[in-house]
Amino acid sequence: MEKKAKQRRKQILKAAFQAAIEKGYESVTLQDIANYADVSKGVTNYYFKNKSDVFTQLFEWLTTRIHEKEAASISEHETAVKKLEAYLNCVFSSPEENKNFYRVYLDFLAQVKNNDSYKEINLKFYENCWSIGRDIIHQGLKEGIFEVDDVEQTSISIRCMIDGSLIQWLMRDDDQLHEYYRTNCFESILKILQYKK
């Protein structure tokens, strides 16, 4: 029974994500989410209190999944530069995935000021991102290839470079520039880390 409930919730969350991609957060209703999930509105109401509850759980699920994938990608490598490369390959997953995520995520950010749950989820997401940055920096310092005075500040700067690059790529609306922005982001982060070959 518990497994079925878990699957049903996941089905509804995925439907909410798809609805938000196509319609935008503001326009999506619980009925839309039910339609996308191919269930009745009653089923959606059974698992979630309201639209805000659906999206709170969606963003928690999405950001947790992203962090798990990114953390797993860096754990497969030994050296700092390889870890950074794996991290960026994971973040710059594909033009379609990045577009879908950022469309919904930017909508979500617009709601943060009015919703404490969203604020908490977003902060946790960034703390997870910064922890990946810290791991990479510590590895590079151990190898003697990075020169960083403030690890915390630099880990924040790494994520600033990533989000800035992806948002700028998104605004240019050209899938062919995806690889250019990934490479540019990688090289810019190496400069921040004062990488010594």
Protein backbone atom coordinates (compact mmCIF):
# COMPACT_ATOMS: atom_id res chain seq x y z
CA MET A 1 0.00 0.00 0.00
CA GLU A 2 2.82 2.39 0.98
CA LYS A 3 4.66 1.62 -2.28
CA LYS A 4 1.56 2.37 -4.35
CA ALA A 5 1.02 5.67 -2.52
CA LYS A 6 4.67 6.62 -3.14
CA GLN A 7 4.33 5.85 -6.86
CA ARG A 8 1.08 7.82 -7.09
CA ARG A 9 2.65 10.87 -5.40
CA LYS A 10 5.62 10.67 -7.78
CA GLN A 11 3.26 10.43 -10.75
CA ILE A 12 1.45 13.60 -9.58
CA LEU A 13 4.74 15.45 -8.92
CA LYS A 14 6.04 14.61 -12.39
CA ALA A 15 2.73 15.78 -13.85
CA ALA A 16 3.00 19.06 -11.91
CA PHE A 17 6.51 19.58 -13.31
CA GLN A 18 5.28 18.97 -16.88
CA ALA A 19 2.28 21.28 -16.36
CA ALA A 20 4.57 24.02 -15.00
CA ILE A 21 6.95 23.65 -17.99
CA GLU A 22 4.11 24.08 -20.45
CA LYS A 23 1.81 26.53 -18.64
CA GLY A 24 3.99 28.34 -16.08
CA TYR A 25 3.59 28.17 -12.30
CA GLU A 26 0.99 30.93 -12.01
CA SER A 27 -1.39 29.40 -14.57
CA VAL A 28 -1.27 25.81 -13.33
CA THR A 29 -4.30 24.65 -11.34
CA LEU A 30 -4.84 21.46 -9.34
CA GLN A 31 -7.19 20.36 -12.14
CA ASP A 32 -4.34 20.80 -14.68
CA ILE A 33 -2.05 18.69 -12.50
CA ALA A 34 -4.73 15.99 -12.24
CA ASN A 35 -5.21 16.08 -16.03
CA TYR A 36 -1.47 15.76 -16.70
CA ALA A 37 -1.26 12.89 -14.19
CA ASP A 38 -4.33 11.28 -15.78
CA VAL A 39 -6.08 11.03 -12.42
CA SER A 40 -9.16 12.70 -10.93
CA LYS A 41 -8.82 15.95 -9.00
CA GLY A 42 -10.00 13.99 -5.94
CA VAL A 43 -6.89 11.77 -6.16
CA THR A 44 -4.65 14.86 -6.26
CA ASN A 45 -6.51 16.30 -3.25
CA TYR A 46 -6.10 13.01 -1.40
CA TYR A 47 -2.28 13.18 -1.62
CA PHE A 48 -1.76 16.95 -1.46
CA LYS A 49 -3.45 19.74 0.51
CA ASN A 50 -3.37 22.31 -2.29
CA LYS A 51 -1.30 23.60 -5.22
CA SER A 52 1.33 25.09 -2.89
CA ASP A 53 1.74 21.70 -1.18
CA VAL A 54 2.22 19.98 -4.57
CA PHE A 55 4.90 22.46 -5.57
CA THR A 56 6.62 22.44 -2.17
CA GLN A 57 7.02 18.68 -2.46
CA LEU A 58 7.92 18.92 -6.15
CA PHE A 59 10.77 21.38 -5.50
CA GLU A 60 12.03 19.35 -2.56
CA TRP A 61 12.00 16.18 -4.66
CA LEU A 62 13.60 17.88 -7.70
CA THR A 63 16.39 19.67 -5.81
CA THR A 64 17.19 16.57 -3.72
CA ARG A 65 17.40 14.45 -6.87
CA ILE A 66 19.65 17.00 -8.58
CA HIS A 67 21.99 17.13 -5.58
CA GLU A 68 22.17 13.32 -5.38
CA LYS A 69 23.07 13.10 -9.08
CA GLU A 70 25.71 15.85 -8.79
CA ALA A 71 27.26 14.36 -5.63
CA ALA A 72 27.35 10.91 -7.25
CA SER A 73 29.03 12.33 -10.37
CA ILE A 74 31.94 13.84 -8.42
CA SER A 75 32.39 10.77 -6.19
CA GLU A 76 33.35 8.72 -9.27
CA HIS A 77 36.57 10.72 -9.72
CA GLU A 78 39.77 11.12 -7.74
CA THR A 79 41.27 14.44 -8.83
CA ALA A 80 39.84 17.92 -8.25
CA VAL A 81 39.80 18.89 -11.93
CA LYS A 82 38.07 15.65 -12.92
CA LYS A 83 35.54 16.18 -10.13
CA LEU A 84 34.86 19.73 -11.35
CA GLU A 85 34.49 18.50 -14.93
CA ALA A 86 32.07 15.75 -13.84
CA TYR A 87 30.09 18.26 -11.77
CA LEU A 88 29.69 20.62 -14.74
CA ASN A 89 28.81 17.76 -17.12
CA CYS A 90 26.09 16.78 -14.67
CA VAL A 91 24.81 20.36 -14.22
CA PHE A 92 24.89 21.10 -17.97
CA SER A 93 22.97 17.86 -18.56
CA SER A 94 21.38 18.68 -21.93
CA PRO A 95 19.73 21.71 -23.54
CA GLU A 96 16.26 20.20 -23.09
CA GLU A 97 16.72 19.18 -19.44
CA ASN A 98 18.32 22.51 -18.51
CA LYS A 99 15.56 24.46 -20.25
CA ASN A 100 12.80 22.51 -18.51
CA PHE A 101 14.38 22.79 -15.08
CA TYR A 102 15.22 26.49 -15.27
CA ARG A 103 11.83 27.43 -16.70
CA VAL A 104 10.16 25.92 -13.66
CA TYR A 105 12.92 26.94 -11.22
CA LEU A 106 12.84 30.62 -12.20
CA ASP A 107 9.06 30.58 -11.75
CA PHE A 108 9.60 28.96 -8.37
CA LEU A 109 12.12 31.65 -7.34
CA ALA A 110 9.53 34.32 -8.11
CA GLN A 111 7.31 32.70 -5.43
CA VAL A 112 10.03 32.43 -2.75
CA LYS A 113 9.39 35.85 -1.20
CA ASN A 114 5.83 34.83 -0.29
CA ASN A 115 6.48 31.25 0.79
CA ASP A 116 8.75 30.24 3.69
CA SER A 117 8.75 26.56 2.66
CA TYR A 118 10.05 27.49 -0.81
CA LYS A 119 12.69 29.70 0.83
CA GLU A 120 13.90 26.81 3.02
CA ILE A 121 14.02 24.36 0.10
CA ASN A 122 16.00 26.83 -1.99
CA LEU A 123 18.49 27.52 0.81
CA LYS A 124 18.98 23.80 1.38
CA PHE A 125 19.53 23.34 -2.36
CA TYR A 126 22.22 26.03 -2.36
CA GLU A 127 23.86 24.64 0.76
CA ASN A 128 24.09 21.27 -1.02
CA CYS A 129 25.58 22.99 -4.09
CA TRP A 130 28.13 24.84 -1.95
CA SER A 131 29.13 21.59 -0.21
CA ILE A 132 29.98 20.06 -3.61
CA GLY A 133 32.07 23.16 -4.39
CA ARG A 134 33.83 22.85 -1.02
CA ASP A 135 34.68 19.18 -1.67
CA ILE A 136 36.23 20.06 -5.03
CA ILE A 137 38.18 23.00 -3.55
CA HIS A 138 39.52 20.94 -0.61
CA GLN A 139 40.64 18.23 -3.04
CA GLY A 140 42.43 20.82 -5.20
CA LEU A 141 44.11 22.40 -2.18
CA LYS A 142 45.29 18.95 -1.07
CA GLU A 143 46.74 18.37 -4.55
CA GLY A 144 48.37 21.83 -4.47
CA ILE A 145 46.74 22.90 -7.74
CA PHE A 146 44.27 25.52 -6.42
CA GLU A 147 45.04 28.71 -4.56
CA VAL A 148 42.02 29.78 -2.53
CA ASP A 149 41.98 32.13 0.48
CA ASP A 150 38.35 31.72 1.45
CA VAL A 151 36.88 28.27 0.72
CA GLU A 152 33.32 29.25 1.69
CA GLN A 153 33.25 32.36 -0.50
CA THR A 154 34.81 30.48 -3.42
CA SER A 155 32.29 27.62 -3.18
CA ILE A 156 29.50 30.23 -3.41
CA SER A 157 31.25 31.85 -6.41
CA ILE A 158 31.38 28.48 -8.21
CA ARG A 159 27.60 28.15 -8.03
CA CYS A 160 27.18 31.79 -9.07
CA MET A 161 29.20 31.03 -12.22
CA ILE A 162 27.10 27.92 -12.93
CA ASP A 163 23.68 29.56 -12.51
CA GLY A 164 24.79 32.74 -14.27
CA SER A 165 26.09 30.74 -17.24
CA LEU A 166 22.95 28.63 -17.53
CA ILE A 167 20.58 31.60 -17.21
CA GLN A 168 22.53 33.57 -19.81
CA TRP A 169 22.49 30.55 -22.15
CA LEU A 170 18.75 30.17 -21.56
CA MET A 171 18.11 33.83 -22.42
CA ARG A 172 20.01 33.51 -25.70
CA ASP A 173 17.66 30.69 -26.69
CA ASP A 174 20.19 28.79 -28.80
CA ASP A 175 20.77 25.11 -28.03
CA GLN A 176 24.02 25.13 -29.99
CA LEU A 177 25.57 27.51 -27.44
CA HIS A 178 25.03 25.00 -24.59
CA GLU A 179 28.47 23.43 -24.97
CA TYR A 180 30.11 26.86 -25.32
CA TYR A 181 28.61 27.99 -22.00
CA ARG A 182 29.62 24.75 -20.26
CA THR A 183 33.24 25.12 -21.45
CA ASN A 184 33.30 28.83 -20.65
CA CYS A 185 31.91 28.15 -17.17
CA PHE A 186 34.54 25.44 -16.54
CA GLU A 187 37.40 27.72 -17.61
CA SER A 188 36.05 30.66 -15.59
CA ILE A 189 35.79 28.52 -12.44
CA LEU A 190 39.39 27.33 -12.92
CA LYS A 191 40.42 31.01 -12.97
CA ILE A 192 38.55 31.67 -9.72
CA LEU A 193 40.34 28.67 -8.22
CA GLN A 194 43.69 30.03 -9.53
CA TYR A 195 44.38 26.63 -11.07
CA LYS A 196 48.06 25.77 -11.45
CA LYS A 197 48.66 22.98 -13.98
